[in-house]
Protein backbone atom coordinates (compact mmCIF):
# COMPACT_ATOMS: atom_id res chain seq x y z
CA UNK A 1 0.10 0.05 0.18
CA UNK A 2 1.50 3.70 -1.20
CA UNK A 3 1.02 6.62 1.27
CA UNK A 4 1.65 10.40 0.95
CA UNK A 5 2.86 12.75 2.69
CA UNK A 6 0.10 14.17 5.09
CA UNK A 7 -2.33 11.39 5.21
CA UNK A 8 -4.32 10.33 8.00
CA UNK A 9 -3.63 6.70 8.48
CA UNK A 10 -4.62 4.12 11.37
CA UNK A 11 -1.88 2.37 13.65
CA UNK A 12 -2.05 -0.31 16.12
CA UNK A 13 0.40 0.66 18.85
CA UNK A 14 0.72 -2.31 21.25
CA UNK A 15 1.13 -0.38 25.09
CA UNK A 16 0.66 -1.49 28.93
CA UNK A 17 -3.34 -2.29 28.26
CA UNK A 18 -2.79 -3.61 25.26
CA UNK A 19 -3.42 -3.02 21.80
CA UNK A 20 -5.10 0.09 20.47
CA UNK A 21 -5.75 1.82 16.98
CA UNK A 22 -4.20 5.73 17.11
CA UNK A 23 -4.74 8.29 14.60
CA UNK A 24 -1.48 9.42 13.08
CA UNK A 25 0.26 10.82 9.94
CA UNK A 26 2.35 10.31 7.56
CA UNK A 27 5.83 12.17 7.22
CA UNK A 28 7.69 10.09 4.37
CA UNK A 29 8.68 11.61 1.02
CA UNK A 30 8.55 10.31 -2.38
CA UNK A 31 12.26 10.44 -2.06
CA UNK A 32 12.53 8.08 1.67
CA UNK A 33 9.64 5.89 -0.39
CA UNK A 34 11.88 5.70 -3.24
CA UNK A 35 15.20 4.24 -1.09
CA UNK A 36 12.96 2.39 2.15
CA UNK A 37 9.47 0.69 2.22
CA UNK A 38 8.79 1.17 5.56
CA UNK A 39 7.03 4.47 6.21
CA UNK A 40 7.14 7.49 9.51
CA UNK A 41 4.53 8.70 10.95
CA UNK A 42 3.88 11.01 13.66
CA UNK A 43 0.55 10.13 16.43
CA UNK A 44 -1.99 12.88 16.56
CA UNK A 45 -3.38 13.16 19.95
CA UNK A 46 -5.49 16.14 21.80
CA UNK A 47 -3.42 15.71 25.23
CA UNK A 48 -1.32 18.97 24.65
CA UNK A 49 -0.29 19.60 28.49
CA UNK A 50 2.87 18.49 28.71
CA UNK A 51 4.07 18.48 25.50
CA UNK A 52 7.57 17.84 24.22
CA UNK A 53 10.50 18.78 22.58
CA UNK A 54 8.75 16.87 19.57
CA UNK A 55 6.03 17.65 20.12
CA UNK A 56 4.21 20.25 17.92
CA UNK A 57 0.97 21.20 17.62
CA UNK A 58 -1.83 21.26 15.25
CA UNK A 59 -4.47 23.63 14.75
CA UNK A 60 -8.37 21.77 13.60
CA UNK A 61 -11.22 23.80 12.67
CA UNK A 62 -14.10 21.50 12.80
CA UNK A 63 -18.15 22.52 12.00
CA UNK A 64 -17.85 26.60 14.72
CA UNK A 65 -15.06 24.57 17.38
CA UNK A 66 -11.72 24.94 17.52
CA UNK A 67 -9.65 21.82 18.97
CA UNK A 68 -5.82 21.63 19.86
CA UNK A 69 -3.97 18.44 19.15
CA UNK A 70 -0.30 17.37 19.03
CA UNK A 71 2.11 15.21 16.89
CA UNK A 72 3.57 13.08 18.99
CA UNK A 73 6.97 12.51 18.17
CA UNK A 74 8.75 10.51 20.93
């Protein structure tokens, strides 16, 4: 399956409480896919409290409400 940078996908993550499906954004570029078969993603979360050095805030407008989300790389 082929993905484009910026595509929103779901990934299965294994944690302490078992497997959980989470949203993520594809970060891999076309150049990256030319030499590697894997996909780089950043996890999307609405937990923006205590952001780390590698977390980046996103802003999305759904209907009339503004939600703050974050891409988590750590």
